[in-house]
Amino acid sequence: MDAFNLLKADHRKVEELFEELESASGQAKMQVFQQIKTELELHTHIEETIFYPALEEPKQTHDLTLEAYEEHDVVKKLLQELGRARTANEEWEAKAKVLQENVEHHVEEEEGQLFPKASSALGADEIETLGEQMEAEKARKQRSGSKSSKKSASKTKSASTAQKRARASKKGASKSSSKSSGSKKSRSKKSAKKR
């Protein structure tokens, strides 16, 4: 399956769910939100683990991909905050609207800018392969059930955050190794003086 068609189908499904959310009330609203949350978590997972990594390297998609990771972070935070509520009060409604607007903006940027650039950066075979990989991963996550997906969602950080930490730790490791070797020398000099 074509990667773009798979992701666009996800986008349309979430759009429909947001429409349902607007017209729903009471517990029905919370149930529709749970569907939106499940769809978005699954969608962001396949994008961050399969699609975006393929787009980080090409120059024409690099910046848009990094921006997309950051947009995912915002959506994840909103989903987490909204997911804590038991009922949909006015504050919850306002936050749900902000979530919808963020998702709509993200979809617009992805379909209007990222997909066309990705289409020229990747070959047709690669686009097809990415689609098949995302489809398989999506099916695997759906089969694994809600219990394991809740655990993995709470344990995993967004890819952008993980990447930043990895870069920072690499830089920190080289600095701290030189600092620690220096501090070891000073400690050994101090212990030699005590003797």
N, C-alpha and C. Protein backbone atom coordinates (compact mmCIF):
# COMPACT_ATOMS: atom_id res chain seq x y z
N MET A 1 0.83 -1.19 0.00
CA MET A 1 0.00 0.00 0.00
C MET A 1 0.87 1.25 0.00
N ASP A 2 0.44 2.24 -0.73
CA ASP A 2 1.12 3.53 -0.82
C ASP A 2 1.09 4.21 0.56
N ALA A 3 2.26 4.64 1.04
CA ALA A 3 2.37 5.25 2.37
C ALA A 3 1.48 6.48 2.52
N PHE A 4 1.41 7.30 1.48
CA PHE A 4 0.62 8.52 1.55
C PHE A 4 -0.88 8.21 1.66
N ASN A 5 -1.33 7.22 0.89
CA ASN A 5 -2.75 6.85 0.94
C ASN A 5 -3.13 6.31 2.31
N LEU A 6 -2.23 5.53 2.91
CA LEU A 6 -2.48 4.98 4.24
C LEU A 6 -2.64 6.10 5.26
N LEU A 7 -1.71 7.05 5.24
CA LEU A 7 -1.74 8.16 6.20
C LEU A 7 -2.93 9.09 5.94
N LYS A 8 -3.27 9.31 4.68
CA LYS A 8 -4.43 10.15 4.35
C LYS A 8 -5.72 9.50 4.84
N ALA A 9 -5.81 8.18 4.72
CA ALA A 9 -7.00 7.46 5.21
C ALA A 9 -7.14 7.64 6.72
N ASP A 10 -6.01 7.58 7.43
CA ASP A 10 -6.02 7.85 8.88
C ASP A 10 -6.50 9.26 9.17
N HIS A 11 -6.00 10.22 8.39
CA HIS A 11 -6.38 11.63 8.58
C HIS A 11 -7.89 11.81 8.41
N ARG A 12 -8.47 11.19 7.36
CA ARG A 12 -9.90 11.32 7.11
C ARG A 12 -10.71 10.70 8.25
N LYS A 13 -10.24 9.57 8.76
CA LYS A 13 -10.95 8.89 9.85
C LYS A 13 -11.00 9.78 11.09
N VAL A 14 -9.87 10.41 11.42
CA VAL A 14 -9.79 11.28 12.60
C VAL A 14 -10.66 12.52 12.39
N GLU A 15 -10.68 13.05 11.17
CA GLU A 15 -11.55 14.20 10.87
C GLU A 15 -13.01 13.87 11.15
N GLU A 16 -13.43 12.68 10.71
CA GLU A 16 -14.81 12.24 10.94
C GLU A 16 -15.09 12.10 12.44
N LEU A 17 -14.12 11.57 13.18
CA LEU A 17 -14.30 11.42 14.62
C LEU A 17 -14.41 12.77 15.32
N PHE A 18 -13.64 13.76 14.87
CA PHE A 18 -13.75 15.11 15.45
C PHE A 18 -15.14 15.70 15.18
N GLU A 19 -15.70 15.42 14.00
CA GLU A 19 -17.05 15.88 13.70
C GLU A 19 -18.06 15.23 14.65
N GLU A 20 -17.88 13.94 14.89
CA GLU A 20 -18.74 13.22 15.84
C GLU A 20 -18.61 13.81 17.24
N LEU A 21 -17.38 14.13 17.62
CA LEU A 21 -17.12 14.69 18.95
C LEU A 21 -17.89 15.98 19.17
N GLU A 22 -17.94 16.83 18.14
CA GLU A 22 -18.64 18.11 18.25
C GLU A 22 -20.13 17.93 18.51
N SER A 23 -20.72 16.91 17.90
CA SER A 23 -22.17 16.73 18.06
C SER A 23 -22.55 15.82 19.23
N ALA A 24 -21.58 15.09 19.78
CA ALA A 24 -21.86 14.18 20.89
C ALA A 24 -21.97 14.95 22.21
N SER A 25 -22.59 14.31 23.20
CA SER A 25 -22.68 14.92 24.53
C SER A 25 -22.56 13.84 25.61
N GLY A 26 -22.22 14.29 26.82
CA GLY A 26 -22.11 13.37 27.96
C GLY A 26 -21.07 12.30 27.76
N GLN A 27 -21.42 11.08 28.14
CA GLN A 27 -20.48 9.96 28.05
C GLN A 27 -20.17 9.59 26.60
N ALA A 28 -21.12 9.85 25.70
CA ALA A 28 -20.87 9.57 24.27
C ALA A 28 -19.68 10.39 23.79
N LYS A 29 -19.57 11.61 24.27
CA LYS A 29 -18.45 12.49 23.90
C LYS A 29 -17.13 11.88 24.37
N MET A 30 -17.13 11.35 25.58
CA MET A 30 -15.91 10.74 26.13
C MET A 30 -15.53 9.48 25.36
N GLN A 31 -16.53 8.74 24.91
CA GLN A 31 -16.27 7.53 24.12
C GLN A 31 -15.68 7.87 22.75
N VAL A 32 -16.22 8.92 22.12
CA VAL A 32 -15.68 9.35 20.83
C VAL A 32 -14.25 9.85 21.03
N PHE A 33 -14.01 10.58 22.12
CA PHE A 33 -12.65 11.05 22.40
C PHE A 33 -11.69 9.86 22.53
N GLN A 34 -12.12 8.80 23.21
CA GLN A 34 -11.25 7.62 23.36
C GLN A 34 -10.89 7.03 22.00
N GLN A 35 -11.84 7.05 21.06
CA GLN A 35 -11.56 6.57 19.70
C GLN A 35 -10.53 7.48 19.02
N ILE A 36 -10.70 8.78 19.19
CA ILE A 36 -9.75 9.74 18.61
C ILE A 36 -8.36 9.49 19.19
N LYS A 37 -8.29 9.33 20.50
CA LYS A 37 -7.02 9.11 21.20
C LYS A 37 -6.34 7.85 20.67
N THR A 38 -7.10 6.77 20.55
CA THR A 38 -6.55 5.51 20.05
C THR A 38 -6.03 5.67 18.62
N GLU A 39 -6.83 6.31 17.77
CA GLU A 39 -6.42 6.52 16.37
C GLU A 39 -5.16 7.38 16.28
N LEU A 40 -5.13 8.47 17.03
CA LEU A 40 -3.97 9.37 16.97
C LEU A 40 -2.71 8.72 17.53
N GLU A 41 -2.85 7.97 18.61
CA GLU A 41 -1.67 7.29 19.18
C GLU A 41 -1.11 6.27 18.20
N LEU A 42 -1.97 5.55 17.53
CA LEU A 42 -1.54 4.56 16.55
C LEU A 42 -0.90 5.25 15.34
N HIS A 43 -1.53 6.31 14.90
CA HIS A 43 -1.04 7.06 13.74
C HIS A 43 0.33 7.68 14.03
N THR A 44 0.46 8.35 15.17
CA THR A 44 1.76 8.96 15.49
C THR A 44 2.83 7.90 15.66
N HIS A 45 2.46 6.75 16.19
CA HIS A 45 3.43 5.66 16.37
C HIS A 45 4.01 5.21 15.03
N ILE A 46 3.14 4.94 14.06
CA ILE A 46 3.67 4.45 12.77
C ILE A 46 4.43 5.54 12.02
N GLU A 47 4.02 6.79 12.20
CA GLU A 47 4.76 7.86 11.55
C GLU A 47 6.14 8.02 12.17
N GLU A 48 6.20 8.00 13.50
CA GLU A 48 7.48 8.24 14.19
C GLU A 48 8.44 7.06 14.11
N THR A 49 7.93 5.85 14.00
CA THR A 49 8.83 4.69 13.96
C THR A 49 9.21 4.27 12.54
N ILE A 50 8.38 4.61 11.54
CA ILE A 50 8.65 4.14 10.18
C ILE A 50 8.76 5.27 9.16
N PHE A 51 7.74 6.13 9.12
CA PHE A 51 7.67 7.14 8.06
C PHE A 51 8.67 8.28 8.25
N TYR A 52 8.65 8.92 9.39
CA TYR A 52 9.54 10.07 9.62
C TYR A 52 11.02 9.71 9.56
N PRO A 53 11.44 8.58 10.13
CA PRO A 53 12.88 8.26 10.02
C PRO A 53 13.36 8.20 8.56
N ALA A 54 12.49 7.78 7.65
CA ALA A 54 12.87 7.73 6.23
C ALA A 54 12.97 9.12 5.63
N LEU A 55 12.35 10.11 6.28
CA LEU A 55 12.33 11.47 5.73
C LEU A 55 13.30 12.42 6.44
N GLU A 56 13.97 11.95 7.46
CA GLU A 56 14.91 12.82 8.19
C GLU A 56 16.17 13.09 7.38
N GLU A 57 16.61 12.11 6.60
CA GLU A 57 17.86 12.22 5.86
C GLU A 57 17.78 13.15 4.66
N PRO A 58 16.78 12.99 3.76
CA PRO A 58 16.74 13.87 2.58
C PRO A 58 16.62 15.34 2.98
N LYS A 59 17.42 16.18 2.35
CA LYS A 59 17.47 17.61 2.69
C LYS A 59 16.12 18.30 2.53
N GLN A 60 15.38 17.96 1.47
CA GLN A 60 14.12 18.66 1.21
C GLN A 60 13.02 18.33 2.22
N THR A 61 13.15 17.24 2.96
CA THR A 61 12.12 16.88 3.95
C THR A 61 12.61 16.97 5.39
N HIS A 62 13.87 17.23 5.58
CA HIS A 62 14.48 17.21 6.92
C HIS A 62 13.78 18.16 7.90
N ASP A 63 13.72 19.44 7.57
CA ASP A 63 13.15 20.44 8.49
C ASP A 63 11.67 20.18 8.77
N LEU A 64 10.92 19.84 7.73
CA LEU A 64 9.48 19.56 7.93
C LEU A 64 9.27 18.34 8.82
N THR A 65 10.16 17.37 8.71
CA THR A 65 10.05 16.17 9.53
C THR A 65 10.32 16.50 11.00
N LEU A 66 11.33 17.29 11.26
CA LEU A 66 11.62 17.68 12.64
C LEU A 66 10.46 18.48 13.23
N GLU A 67 9.87 19.34 12.42
CA GLU A 67 8.71 20.12 12.86
C GLU A 67 7.53 19.19 13.16
N ALA A 68 7.36 18.17 12.34
CA ALA A 68 6.26 17.21 12.54
C ALA A 68 6.41 16.47 13.86
N TYR A 69 7.65 16.09 14.22
CA TYR A 69 7.89 15.45 15.52
C TYR A 69 7.42 16.38 16.66
N GLU A 70 7.76 17.65 16.54
CA GLU A 70 7.39 18.62 17.58
C GLU A 70 5.87 18.79 17.67
N GLU A 71 5.21 18.81 16.51
CA GLU A 71 3.75 18.91 16.49
C GLU A 71 3.13 17.68 17.15
N HIS A 72 3.73 16.53 16.94
CA HIS A 72 3.26 15.31 17.60
C HIS A 72 3.36 15.45 19.12
N ASP A 73 4.45 16.04 19.59
CA ASP A 73 4.63 16.24 21.04
C ASP A 73 3.46 17.02 21.63
N VAL A 74 3.06 18.09 20.96
CA VAL A 74 1.97 18.92 21.43
C VAL A 74 0.68 18.11 21.49
N VAL A 75 0.41 17.36 20.43
CA VAL A 75 -0.80 16.54 20.36
C VAL A 75 -0.80 15.48 21.47
N LYS A 76 0.34 14.86 21.70
CA LYS A 76 0.43 13.83 22.76
C LYS A 76 0.14 14.41 24.14
N LYS A 77 0.66 15.61 24.40
CA LYS A 77 0.42 16.25 25.70
C LYS A 77 -1.06 16.55 25.88
N LEU A 78 -1.69 17.07 24.83
CA LEU A 78 -3.12 17.37 24.90
C LEU A 78 -3.94 16.09 25.09
N LEU A 79 -3.58 15.03 24.37
CA LEU A 79 -4.29 13.76 24.53
C LEU A 79 -4.18 13.25 25.96
N GLN A 80 -3.00 13.37 26.53
CA GLN A 80 -2.77 12.92 27.90
C GLN A 80 -3.62 13.72 28.88
N GLU A 81 -3.63 15.04 28.73
CA GLU A 81 -4.41 15.90 29.62
C GLU A 81 -5.91 15.62 29.48
N LEU A 82 -6.38 15.53 28.26
CA LEU A 82 -7.80 15.26 28.01
C LEU A 82 -8.20 13.87 28.49
N GLY A 83 -7.28 12.93 28.38
CA GLY A 83 -7.56 11.55 28.77
C GLY A 83 -7.75 11.35 30.27
N ARG A 84 -7.28 12.30 31.08
CA ARG A 84 -7.41 12.20 32.53
C ARG A 84 -8.83 12.52 33.01
N ALA A 85 -9.58 13.26 32.19
CA ALA A 85 -10.91 13.72 32.60
C ALA A 85 -11.93 12.58 32.59
N ARG A 86 -12.89 12.70 33.49
CA ARG A 86 -13.98 11.72 33.52
C ARG A 86 -15.22 12.25 32.81
N THR A 87 -15.34 13.57 32.75
CA THR A 87 -16.46 14.20 32.05
C THR A 87 -15.95 15.37 31.22
N ALA A 88 -16.78 15.77 30.27
CA ALA A 88 -16.40 16.88 29.38
C ALA A 88 -17.00 18.19 29.87
N ASN A 89 -16.24 18.93 30.69
CA ASN A 89 -16.69 20.25 31.15
C ASN A 89 -16.23 21.31 30.14
N GLU A 90 -16.46 22.59 30.45
CA GLU A 90 -16.11 23.66 29.52
C GLU A 90 -14.61 23.72 29.23
N GLU A 91 -13.81 23.53 30.27
CA GLU A 91 -12.36 23.55 30.09
C GLU A 91 -11.92 22.40 29.18
N TRP A 92 -12.50 21.23 29.39
CA TRP A 92 -12.19 20.05 28.57
C TRP A 92 -12.56 20.33 27.12
N GLU A 93 -13.75 20.91 26.92
CA GLU A 93 -14.23 21.24 25.56
C GLU A 93 -13.24 22.17 24.85
N ALA A 94 -12.78 23.19 25.58
CA ALA A 94 -11.83 24.15 25.01
C ALA A 94 -10.53 23.46 24.62
N LYS A 95 -10.06 22.58 25.50
CA LYS A 95 -8.81 21.85 25.22
C LYS A 95 -8.99 20.89 24.04
N ALA A 96 -10.17 20.28 23.95
CA ALA A 96 -10.45 19.37 22.82
C ALA A 96 -10.45 20.14 21.51
N LYS A 97 -10.93 21.37 21.55
CA LYS A 97 -10.94 22.23 20.34
C LYS A 97 -9.49 22.57 19.94
N VAL A 98 -8.66 22.85 20.92
CA VAL A 98 -7.25 23.13 20.65
C VAL A 98 -6.58 21.89 20.04
N LEU A 99 -6.91 20.72 20.56
CA LEU A 99 -6.38 19.47 19.99
C LEU A 99 -6.79 19.35 18.53
N GLN A 100 -8.07 19.56 18.26
CA GLN A 100 -8.58 19.46 16.89
C GLN A 100 -7.84 20.43 15.97
N GLU A 101 -7.67 21.66 16.41
CA GLU A 101 -6.99 22.66 15.59
C GLU A 101 -5.53 22.29 15.33
N ASN A 102 -4.87 21.74 16.35
CA ASN A 102 -3.48 21.30 16.17
C ASN A 102 -3.39 20.15 15.18
N VAL A 103 -4.31 19.21 15.29
CA VAL A 103 -4.31 18.05 14.38
C VAL A 103 -4.60 18.52 12.95
N GLU A 104 -5.59 19.41 12.79
CA GLU A 104 -5.93 19.93 11.46
C GLU A 104 -4.74 20.66 10.83
N HIS A 105 -4.05 21.47 11.62
CA HIS A 105 -2.87 22.19 11.12
C HIS A 105 -1.78 21.19 10.69
N HIS A 106 -1.56 20.20 11.51
CA HIS A 106 -0.54 19.18 11.23
C HIS A 106 -0.86 18.43 9.92
N VAL A 107 -2.13 18.04 9.79
CA VAL A 107 -2.56 17.31 8.59
C VAL A 107 -2.39 18.18 7.35
N GLU A 108 -2.77 19.44 7.47
CA GLU A 108 -2.65 20.39 6.35
C GLU A 108 -1.19 20.53 5.91
N GLU A 109 -0.29 20.66 6.87
CA GLU A 109 1.13 20.79 6.55
C GLU A 109 1.69 19.50 5.96
N GLU A 110 1.28 18.39 6.55
CA GLU A 110 1.77 17.09 6.06
C GLU A 110 1.33 16.85 4.62
N GLU A 111 0.03 16.99 4.38
CA GLU A 111 -0.49 16.69 3.04
C GLU A 111 -0.12 17.76 2.02
N GLY A 112 -0.01 19.02 2.46
CA GLY A 112 0.28 20.11 1.54
C GLY A 112 1.76 20.33 1.26
N GLN A 113 2.61 20.01 2.24
CA GLN A 113 4.05 20.28 2.07
C GLN A 113 4.92 19.04 2.17
N LEU A 114 4.75 18.28 3.26
CA LEU A 114 5.65 17.15 3.50
C LEU A 114 5.46 16.03 2.46
N PHE A 115 4.21 15.63 2.20
CA PHE A 115 3.97 14.54 1.26
C PHE A 115 4.51 14.84 -0.15
N PRO A 116 4.24 16.04 -0.71
CA PRO A 116 4.80 16.32 -2.05
C PRO A 116 6.33 16.28 -2.07
N LYS A 117 6.96 16.83 -1.03
CA LYS A 117 8.43 16.81 -0.98
C LYS A 117 8.95 15.39 -0.77
N ALA A 118 8.25 14.62 0.07
CA ALA A 118 8.63 13.22 0.31
C ALA A 118 8.48 12.40 -0.96
N SER A 119 7.46 12.72 -1.73
CA SER A 119 7.20 12.01 -2.99
C SER A 119 8.36 12.18 -3.96
N SER A 120 8.95 13.38 -3.98
CA SER A 120 10.10 13.59 -4.87
C SER A 120 11.40 13.07 -4.26
N ALA A 121 11.47 13.01 -2.93
CA ALA A 121 12.70 12.54 -2.27
C ALA A 121 12.82 11.02 -2.27
N LEU A 122 11.69 10.33 -2.21
CA LEU A 122 11.68 8.87 -2.15
C LEU A 122 11.22 8.29 -3.49
N GLY A 123 11.68 7.12 -3.79
CA GLY A 123 11.23 6.44 -5.01
C GLY A 123 9.88 5.77 -4.77
N ALA A 124 9.21 5.43 -5.87
CA ALA A 124 7.89 4.78 -5.78
C ALA A 124 7.95 3.47 -5.00
N ASP A 125 9.02 2.72 -5.19
CA ASP A 125 9.17 1.45 -4.46
C ASP A 125 9.30 1.68 -2.96
N GLU A 126 10.07 2.70 -2.61
CA GLU A 126 10.27 3.00 -1.19
C GLU A 126 8.97 3.47 -0.54
N ILE A 127 8.18 4.26 -1.27
CA ILE A 127 6.89 4.73 -0.76
C ILE A 127 5.96 3.55 -0.53
N GLU A 128 6.00 2.61 -1.45
CA GLU A 128 5.18 1.39 -1.33
C GLU A 128 5.65 0.54 -0.14
N THR A 129 6.94 0.38 -0.01
CA THR A 129 7.51 -0.41 1.09
C THR A 129 7.18 0.22 2.44
N LEU A 130 7.32 1.55 2.54
CA LEU A 130 6.99 2.24 3.79
C LEU A 130 5.52 2.03 4.13
N GLY A 131 4.66 2.09 3.13
CA GLY A 131 3.23 1.86 3.34
C GLY A 131 2.95 0.47 3.87
N GLU A 132 3.62 -0.52 3.29
CA GLU A 132 3.44 -1.91 3.74
C GLU A 132 3.95 -2.09 5.17
N GLN A 133 5.08 -1.47 5.47
CA GLN A 133 5.64 -1.57 6.82
C GLN A 133 4.70 -0.92 7.85
N MET A 134 4.18 0.26 7.50
CA MET A 134 3.27 0.96 8.41
C MET A 134 1.97 0.18 8.60
N GLU A 135 1.47 -0.39 7.52
CA GLU A 135 0.24 -1.18 7.60
C GLU A 135 0.44 -2.40 8.50
N ALA A 136 1.59 -3.07 8.35
CA ALA A 136 1.89 -4.24 9.17
C ALA A 136 2.06 -3.85 10.64
N GLU A 137 2.75 -2.74 10.90
CA GLU A 137 2.95 -2.29 12.28
C GLU A 137 1.63 -1.87 12.92
N LYS A 138 0.79 -1.25 12.14
CA LYS A 138 -0.52 -0.83 12.63
C LYS A 138 -1.35 -2.05 13.03
N ALA A 139 -1.33 -3.06 12.18
CA ALA A 139 -2.08 -4.30 12.47
C ALA A 139 -1.50 -4.98 13.71
N ARG A 140 -0.17 -4.99 13.82
CA ARG A 140 0.48 -5.61 14.99
C ARG A 140 0.07 -4.90 16.27
N LYS A 141 0.09 -3.56 16.26
CA LYS A 141 -0.28 -2.79 17.45
C LYS A 141 -1.75 -3.00 17.82
N GLN A 142 -2.60 -3.09 16.81
CA GLN A 142 -4.02 -3.30 17.08
C GLN A 142 -4.27 -4.69 17.67
N ARG A 143 -3.53 -5.69 17.19
CA ARG A 143 -3.66 -7.05 17.71
C ARG A 143 -3.16 -7.15 19.15
N SER A 144 -2.10 -6.40 19.44
CA SER A 144 -1.48 -6.51 20.77
C SER A 144 -2.41 -6.01 21.87
N GLY A 145 -3.47 -5.32 21.48
CA GLY A 145 -4.49 -4.95 22.46
C GLY A 145 -4.21 -3.66 23.18
N SER A 146 -5.22 -3.18 23.85
CA SER A 146 -5.12 -1.88 24.51
C SER A 146 -4.21 -1.91 25.73
N LYS A 147 -4.11 -3.04 26.41
CA LYS A 147 -3.27 -3.08 27.62
C LYS A 147 -1.81 -2.81 27.30
N SER A 148 -1.29 -3.51 26.30
CA SER A 148 0.12 -3.32 25.97
C SER A 148 0.35 -1.97 25.32
N SER A 149 -0.61 -1.47 24.55
CA SER A 149 -0.41 -0.16 23.92
C SER A 149 -0.42 0.94 24.96
N LYS A 150 -1.21 0.78 26.03
CA LYS A 150 -1.19 1.78 27.11
C LYS A 150 0.16 1.77 27.81
N LYS A 151 0.69 0.57 28.06
CA LYS A 151 2.00 0.47 28.71
C LYS A 151 3.07 1.10 27.85
N SER A 152 3.08 0.75 26.56
CA SER A 152 4.14 1.28 25.69
C SER A 152 3.98 2.78 25.49
N ALA A 153 2.75 3.26 25.43
CA ALA A 153 2.55 4.71 25.27
C ALA A 153 3.06 5.47 26.48
N SER A 154 2.88 4.92 27.66
CA SER A 154 3.35 5.62 28.86
C SER A 154 4.86 5.50 29.02
N LYS A 155 5.44 4.44 28.50
CA LYS A 155 6.88 4.24 28.65
C LYS A 155 7.69 4.99 27.60
N THR A 156 7.11 5.14 26.39
CA THR A 156 7.89 5.75 25.32
C THR A 156 7.72 7.25 25.29
N LYS A 157 8.78 7.92 24.95
CA LYS A 157 8.77 9.37 24.74
C LYS A 157 8.68 9.58 23.24
N SER A 158 8.38 10.78 22.85
CA SER A 158 8.33 11.05 21.42
C SER A 158 9.73 10.90 20.84
N ALA A 159 9.75 10.62 19.56
CA ALA A 159 11.05 10.41 18.91
C ALA A 159 11.91 11.67 18.98
N SER A 160 11.30 12.83 18.84
CA SER A 160 12.10 14.05 18.87
C SER A 160 12.74 14.25 20.23
N THR A 161 12.01 13.98 21.29
CA THR A 161 12.56 14.12 22.63
C THR A 161 13.69 13.11 22.83
N ALA A 162 13.45 11.90 22.38
CA ALA A 162 14.47 10.85 22.52
C ALA A 162 15.72 11.22 21.73
N GLN A 163 15.51 11.77 20.54
CA GLN A 163 16.67 12.16 19.72
C GLN A 163 17.46 13.27 20.37
N LYS A 164 16.75 14.26 20.92
CA LYS A 164 17.43 15.36 21.59
C LYS A 164 18.25 14.85 22.76
N ARG A 165 17.64 13.95 23.52
CA ARG A 165 18.36 13.39 24.68
C ARG A 165 19.58 12.59 24.24
N ALA A 166 19.42 11.85 23.14
CA ALA A 166 20.55 11.05 22.65
C ALA A 166 21.70 11.95 22.22
N ARG A 167 21.34 13.03 21.51
CA ARG A 167 22.38 13.97 21.08
C ARG A 167 23.04 14.63 22.28
N ALA A 168 22.21 15.04 23.25
CA ALA A 168 22.74 15.70 24.45
C ALA A 168 23.62 14.75 25.25
N SER A 169 23.20 13.48 25.34
CA SER A 169 23.99 12.54 26.13
C SER A 169 25.32 12.22 25.44
N LYS A 170 25.32 12.21 24.09
CA LYS A 170 26.58 12.00 23.37
C LYS A 170 27.55 13.14 23.65
N LYS A 171 27.01 14.36 23.57
CA LYS A 171 27.85 15.53 23.85
C LYS A 171 28.30 15.52 25.31
N GLY A 172 27.34 15.21 26.20
CA GLY A 172 27.64 15.19 27.63
C GLY A 172 28.62 14.10 27.99
N ALA A 173 28.50 12.96 27.30
CA ALA A 173 29.38 11.83 27.60
C ALA A 173 30.83 12.17 27.27
N SER A 174 31.03 12.83 26.13
CA SER A 174 32.41 13.18 25.78
C SER A 174 32.97 14.23 26.74
N LYS A 175 32.12 15.17 27.16
CA LYS A 175 32.57 16.19 28.11
C LYS A 175 32.80 15.58 29.50
N SER A 176 31.85 14.74 29.93
CA SER A 176 31.97 14.18 31.28
C SER A 176 33.11 13.19 31.38
N SER A 177 33.41 12.49 30.26
CA SER A 177 34.53 11.54 30.34
C SER A 177 35.84 12.29 30.53
N SER A 178 35.96 13.44 29.87
CA SER A 178 37.20 14.21 30.06
C SER A 178 37.22 14.83 31.45
N LYS A 179 36.03 15.26 31.94
CA LYS A 179 35.96 15.84 33.28
C LYS A 179 36.22 14.77 34.34
N SER A 180 35.61 13.59 34.14
CA SER A 180 35.76 12.55 35.15
C SER A 180 37.19 12.04 35.23
N SER A 181 37.87 11.99 34.07
CA SER A 181 39.27 11.55 34.13
C SER A 181 40.11 12.58 34.87
N GLY A 182 39.75 13.86 34.69
CA GLY A 182 40.46 14.91 35.41
C GLY A 182 40.17 14.86 36.90
N SER A 183 38.92 14.58 37.27
CA SER A 183 38.56 14.52 38.68
C SER A 183 39.16 13.28 39.34
N LYS A 184 39.31 12.19 38.58
CA LYS A 184 39.94 10.99 39.12
C LYS A 184 41.39 11.27 39.47
N LYS A 185 42.05 12.04 38.59
CA LYS A 185 43.46 12.39 38.84
C LYS A 185 43.57 13.22 40.10
N SER A 186 42.68 14.20 40.24
CA SER A 186 42.77 15.06 41.43
C SER A 186 42.44 14.27 42.69
N ARG A 187 41.50 13.31 42.59
CA ARG A 187 41.17 12.47 43.76
C ARG A 187 42.37 11.60 44.14
N SER A 188 43.07 11.05 43.12
CA SER A 188 44.21 10.20 43.43
C SER A 188 45.38 11.00 44.03
N LYS A 189 45.50 12.28 43.62
CA LYS A 189 46.53 13.15 44.19
C LYS A 189 46.21 13.44 45.65
N LYS A 190 44.92 13.68 45.93
CA LYS A 190 44.48 13.97 47.31
C LYS A 190 44.72 12.76 48.20
N SER A 191 44.38 11.55 47.71
CA SER A 191 44.57 10.36 48.53
C SER A 191 46.05 10.07 48.72
N ALA A 192 46.88 10.43 47.75
CA ALA A 192 48.34 10.22 47.88
C ALA A 192 48.89 11.17 48.97
N LYS A 193 48.34 12.40 49.04
CA LYS A 193 48.77 13.34 50.06
C LYS A 193 48.41 12.86 51.45
N LYS A 194 47.24 12.22 51.60
CA LYS A 194 46.79 11.70 52.91
C LYS A 194 47.73 10.63 53.42
N ARG A 195 48.22 9.83 52.50
CA ARG A 195 49.08 8.72 52.88
C ARG A 195 50.39 9.29 53.38
